[in-house]
Amino acid sequence: MPRSIPLFNKYSLATTEILYWLPDHPNLLQAFIWQTMDMAPDFPSIQKFLTHWEKNVQARIHSIKVASRALLRPAEFRRVDQVWTLH
């Protein structure tokens, strides 16, 4: 019987960058960067935050970037036992 994975193992650090304009400075593109623990690929915490932004913040969003360890992983390395050089 497979063991169930605890819910907290599904969370990983997610970084969100939001570029936006404020109504009183329409020519100035501003950035808001936020990090939270969230579940990829749906990101419910980020979705909830963006819903709050739409309803309560007067700034108009230009773009949103989300990076997460669950989406981006470092390259894997393997140990090399021998190296041959051909001439």
N, C-alpha and C. Protein backbone atom coordinates (compact mmCIF):
# COMPACT_ATOMS: atom_id res chain seq x y z
N MET A 1 0.85 -1.19 0.00
CA MET A 1 0.00 0.00 0.00
C MET A 1 0.89 1.25 0.00
N PRO A 2 0.72 2.17 -0.99
CA PRO A 2 1.56 3.36 -1.05
C PRO A 2 1.26 4.32 0.09
N ARG A 3 2.32 4.95 0.55
CA ARG A 3 2.15 5.95 1.61
C ARG A 3 1.61 7.23 1.00
N SER A 4 0.75 7.91 1.72
CA SER A 4 0.25 9.20 1.22
C SER A 4 1.29 10.27 1.49
N ILE A 5 1.39 11.20 0.58
CA ILE A 5 2.34 12.30 0.71
C ILE A 5 1.67 13.41 1.51
N PRO A 6 2.32 13.87 2.59
CA PRO A 6 1.73 14.96 3.37
C PRO A 6 1.53 16.20 2.49
N LEU A 7 0.49 16.96 2.79
CA LEU A 7 0.15 18.13 2.00
C LEU A 7 1.30 19.14 1.93
N PHE A 8 2.04 19.31 3.02
CA PHE A 8 3.10 20.32 3.01
C PHE A 8 4.23 19.95 2.06
N ASN A 9 4.35 18.70 1.66
CA ASN A 9 5.37 18.32 0.68
C ASN A 9 5.03 18.80 -0.72
N LYS A 10 3.79 19.13 -0.96
CA LYS A 10 3.37 19.61 -2.28
C LYS A 10 3.66 21.10 -2.46
N TYR A 11 3.96 21.80 -1.38
CA TYR A 11 4.24 23.23 -1.44
C TYR A 11 5.70 23.47 -1.78
N SER A 12 5.95 24.52 -2.54
CA SER A 12 7.31 24.96 -2.82
C SER A 12 7.31 26.49 -2.88
N LEU A 13 8.49 27.06 -2.77
CA LEU A 13 8.62 28.51 -2.80
C LEU A 13 8.30 29.02 -4.21
N ALA A 14 7.42 29.99 -4.29
CA ALA A 14 7.05 30.61 -5.56
C ALA A 14 7.33 32.11 -5.47
N THR A 15 7.95 32.64 -6.50
CA THR A 15 8.25 34.07 -6.57
C THR A 15 7.40 34.67 -7.68
N THR A 16 6.69 35.73 -7.36
CA THR A 16 5.82 36.39 -8.32
C THR A 16 6.31 37.82 -8.54
N GLU A 17 6.45 38.20 -9.80
CA GLU A 17 6.80 39.59 -10.15
C GLU A 17 5.61 40.17 -10.91
N ILE A 18 5.07 41.25 -10.39
CA ILE A 18 3.94 41.93 -11.01
C ILE A 18 4.40 43.31 -11.46
N LEU A 19 4.29 43.58 -12.76
CA LEU A 19 4.57 44.91 -13.29
C LEU A 19 3.22 45.61 -13.46
N TYR A 20 3.13 46.86 -13.01
CA TYR A 20 1.84 47.56 -12.99
C TYR A 20 2.01 49.06 -13.13
N TRP A 21 0.90 49.73 -13.49
CA TRP A 21 0.82 51.18 -13.56
C TRP A 21 -0.16 51.67 -12.51
N LEU A 22 0.19 52.76 -11.85
CA LEU A 22 -0.75 53.43 -10.95
C LEU A 22 -1.52 54.49 -11.74
N PRO A 23 -2.77 54.76 -11.38
CA PRO A 23 -3.57 55.74 -12.14
C PRO A 23 -2.95 57.14 -12.17
N ASP A 24 -2.31 57.55 -11.08
CA ASP A 24 -1.74 58.90 -11.04
C ASP A 24 -0.36 58.99 -11.69
N HIS A 25 0.24 57.86 -12.09
CA HIS A 25 1.54 57.84 -12.78
C HIS A 25 1.46 56.85 -13.96
N PRO A 26 0.67 57.15 -14.99
CA PRO A 26 0.45 56.19 -16.07
C PRO A 26 1.67 55.90 -16.93
N ASN A 27 2.69 56.74 -16.88
CA ASN A 27 3.89 56.52 -17.69
C ASN A 27 5.01 55.82 -16.93
N LEU A 28 4.76 55.49 -15.67
CA LEU A 28 5.77 54.86 -14.83
C LEU A 28 5.39 53.41 -14.54
N LEU A 29 6.15 52.48 -15.11
CA LEU A 29 5.90 51.06 -14.87
C LEU A 29 6.60 50.67 -13.57
N GLN A 30 5.86 50.11 -12.63
CA GLN A 30 6.39 49.77 -11.33
C GLN A 30 6.38 48.26 -11.13
N ALA A 31 7.18 47.78 -10.18
CA ALA A 31 7.29 46.33 -9.94
C ALA A 31 6.96 46.01 -8.49
N PHE A 32 6.27 44.90 -8.32
CA PHE A 32 5.97 44.36 -7.00
C PHE A 32 6.42 42.90 -7.03
N ILE A 33 7.32 42.52 -6.13
CA ILE A 33 7.83 41.15 -6.08
C ILE A 33 7.39 40.53 -4.77
N TRP A 34 6.85 39.32 -4.85
CA TRP A 34 6.27 38.66 -3.69
C TRP A 34 6.64 37.20 -3.71
N GLN A 35 7.01 36.66 -2.55
CA GLN A 35 7.32 35.24 -2.41
C GLN A 35 6.37 34.61 -1.41
N THR A 36 5.95 33.38 -1.73
CA THR A 36 5.06 32.65 -0.86
C THR A 36 5.24 31.15 -1.11
N MET A 37 4.80 30.37 -0.17
CA MET A 37 4.77 28.92 -0.39
C MET A 37 3.46 28.61 -1.09
N ASP A 38 3.54 27.91 -2.22
CA ASP A 38 2.34 27.63 -3.00
C ASP A 38 2.48 26.30 -3.72
N MET A 39 1.38 25.83 -4.29
CA MET A 39 1.37 24.53 -4.97
C MET A 39 1.29 24.73 -6.48
N ALA A 40 2.32 24.29 -7.18
CA ALA A 40 2.33 24.34 -8.65
C ALA A 40 1.50 23.18 -9.17
N PRO A 41 0.92 23.25 -10.31
CA PRO A 41 0.96 24.36 -11.28
C PRO A 41 -0.22 25.33 -11.14
N ASP A 42 -1.15 25.09 -10.21
CA ASP A 42 -2.33 25.96 -10.10
C ASP A 42 -2.09 27.22 -9.28
N PHE A 43 -1.17 27.18 -8.33
CA PHE A 43 -0.82 28.31 -7.47
C PHE A 43 -2.05 28.98 -6.84
N PRO A 44 -2.77 28.27 -5.96
CA PRO A 44 -3.99 28.84 -5.37
C PRO A 44 -3.73 30.09 -4.54
N SER A 45 -2.62 30.19 -3.84
CA SER A 45 -2.33 31.39 -3.03
C SER A 45 -2.11 32.61 -3.92
N ILE A 46 -1.40 32.41 -5.00
CA ILE A 46 -1.15 33.52 -5.93
C ILE A 46 -2.45 33.92 -6.63
N GLN A 47 -3.27 32.95 -7.00
CA GLN A 47 -4.57 33.25 -7.62
C GLN A 47 -5.44 34.07 -6.66
N LYS A 48 -5.44 33.69 -5.39
CA LYS A 48 -6.23 34.41 -4.38
C LYS A 48 -5.72 35.85 -4.25
N PHE A 49 -4.39 36.02 -4.24
CA PHE A 49 -3.81 37.35 -4.14
C PHE A 49 -4.18 38.21 -5.35
N LEU A 50 -4.12 37.62 -6.56
CA LEU A 50 -4.44 38.38 -7.76
C LEU A 50 -5.93 38.76 -7.82
N THR A 51 -6.78 37.90 -7.29
CA THR A 51 -8.21 38.24 -7.20
C THR A 51 -8.40 39.42 -6.25
N HIS A 52 -7.70 39.40 -5.12
CA HIS A 52 -7.73 40.52 -4.18
C HIS A 52 -7.24 41.80 -4.85
N TRP A 53 -6.15 41.69 -5.62
CA TRP A 53 -5.56 42.85 -6.32
C TRP A 53 -6.61 43.46 -7.26
N GLU A 54 -7.26 42.62 -8.06
CA GLU A 54 -8.25 43.11 -9.02
C GLU A 54 -9.39 43.86 -8.35
N LYS A 55 -9.83 43.36 -7.19
CA LYS A 55 -10.98 43.96 -6.50
C LYS A 55 -10.62 45.18 -5.68
N ASN A 56 -9.39 45.23 -5.11
CA ASN A 56 -9.08 46.25 -4.11
C ASN A 56 -7.95 47.21 -4.45
N VAL A 57 -7.20 46.95 -5.49
CA VAL A 57 -6.07 47.81 -5.84
C VAL A 57 -6.39 48.51 -7.15
N GLN A 58 -6.15 49.81 -7.21
CA GLN A 58 -6.50 50.57 -8.41
C GLN A 58 -5.43 50.50 -9.49
N ALA A 59 -4.32 49.85 -9.21
CA ALA A 59 -3.25 49.75 -10.19
C ALA A 59 -3.63 48.77 -11.30
N ARG A 60 -3.27 49.12 -12.54
CA ARG A 60 -3.54 48.26 -13.70
C ARG A 60 -2.32 47.37 -13.96
N ILE A 61 -2.53 46.08 -14.01
CA ILE A 61 -1.42 45.13 -14.18
C ILE A 61 -0.97 45.09 -15.64
N HIS A 62 0.33 45.18 -15.82
CA HIS A 62 0.94 45.06 -17.15
C HIS A 62 1.29 43.61 -17.44
N SER A 63 1.99 42.95 -16.50
CA SER A 63 2.37 41.55 -16.71
C SER A 63 2.67 40.89 -15.37
N ILE A 64 2.64 39.56 -15.38
CA ILE A 64 2.91 38.77 -14.18
C ILE A 64 3.84 37.64 -14.57
N LYS A 65 4.90 37.45 -13.78
CA LYS A 65 5.81 36.32 -13.97
C LYS A 65 5.81 35.51 -12.68
N VAL A 66 5.75 34.19 -12.81
CA VAL A 66 5.79 33.32 -11.64
C VAL A 66 6.92 32.32 -11.86
N ALA A 67 7.79 32.20 -10.86
CA ALA A 67 8.86 31.21 -10.87
C ALA A 67 8.71 30.35 -9.63
N SER A 68 8.87 29.06 -9.81
CA SER A 68 8.73 28.14 -8.69
C SER A 68 9.71 27.00 -8.83
N ARG A 69 10.20 26.52 -7.73
CA ARG A 69 11.11 25.38 -7.76
C ARG A 69 10.42 24.15 -8.35
N ALA A 70 9.12 24.07 -8.18
CA ALA A 70 8.38 22.94 -8.74
C ALA A 70 8.34 23.01 -10.27
N LEU A 71 8.47 24.21 -10.82
CA LEU A 71 8.47 24.37 -12.28
C LEU A 71 9.88 24.39 -12.85
N LEU A 72 10.80 24.99 -12.12
CA LEU A 72 12.18 25.13 -12.58
C LEU A 72 13.09 24.36 -11.64
N ARG A 73 13.86 23.46 -12.16
CA ARG A 73 14.76 22.68 -11.33
C ARG A 73 16.18 22.82 -11.85
N PRO A 74 17.16 22.77 -10.97
CA PRO A 74 18.55 22.84 -11.45
C PRO A 74 18.91 21.60 -12.25
N ALA A 75 19.92 21.74 -13.07
CA ALA A 75 20.38 20.61 -13.87
C ALA A 75 20.88 19.50 -12.95
N GLU A 76 20.74 18.29 -13.40
CA GLU A 76 21.22 17.17 -12.61
C GLU A 76 22.66 16.84 -13.00
N PHE A 77 23.45 16.46 -12.02
CA PHE A 77 24.84 16.10 -12.24
C PHE A 77 25.03 14.63 -11.92
N ARG A 78 25.91 13.97 -12.69
CA ARG A 78 26.27 12.59 -12.40
C ARG A 78 27.77 12.51 -12.22
N ARG A 79 28.17 11.60 -11.43
CA ARG A 79 29.58 11.37 -11.18
C ARG A 79 30.19 10.65 -12.39
N VAL A 80 31.36 11.12 -12.80
CA VAL A 80 32.07 10.50 -13.93
C VAL A 80 33.25 9.72 -13.36
N ASP A 81 33.32 8.43 -13.70
CA ASP A 81 34.39 7.59 -13.19
C ASP A 81 35.65 7.65 -14.06
N GLN A 82 35.48 7.83 -15.36
CA GLN A 82 36.63 7.85 -16.26
C GLN A 82 36.42 8.87 -17.35
N VAL A 83 37.55 9.42 -17.83
CA VAL A 83 37.52 10.34 -18.96
C VAL A 83 38.54 9.88 -19.98
N TRP A 84 38.14 9.76 -21.23
CA TRP A 84 39.04 9.36 -22.31
C TRP A 84 39.22 10.55 -23.25
N THR A 85 40.44 10.74 -23.67
CA THR A 85 40.74 11.80 -24.63
C THR A 85 41.20 11.15 -25.91
N LEU A 86 40.58 11.50 -27.01
CA LEU A 86 40.98 10.98 -28.33
C LEU A 86 41.74 12.06 -29.06
N HIS A 87 42.85 11.62 -29.68
CA HIS A 87 43.67 12.58 -30.45
C HIS A 87 43.58 12.31 -31.91
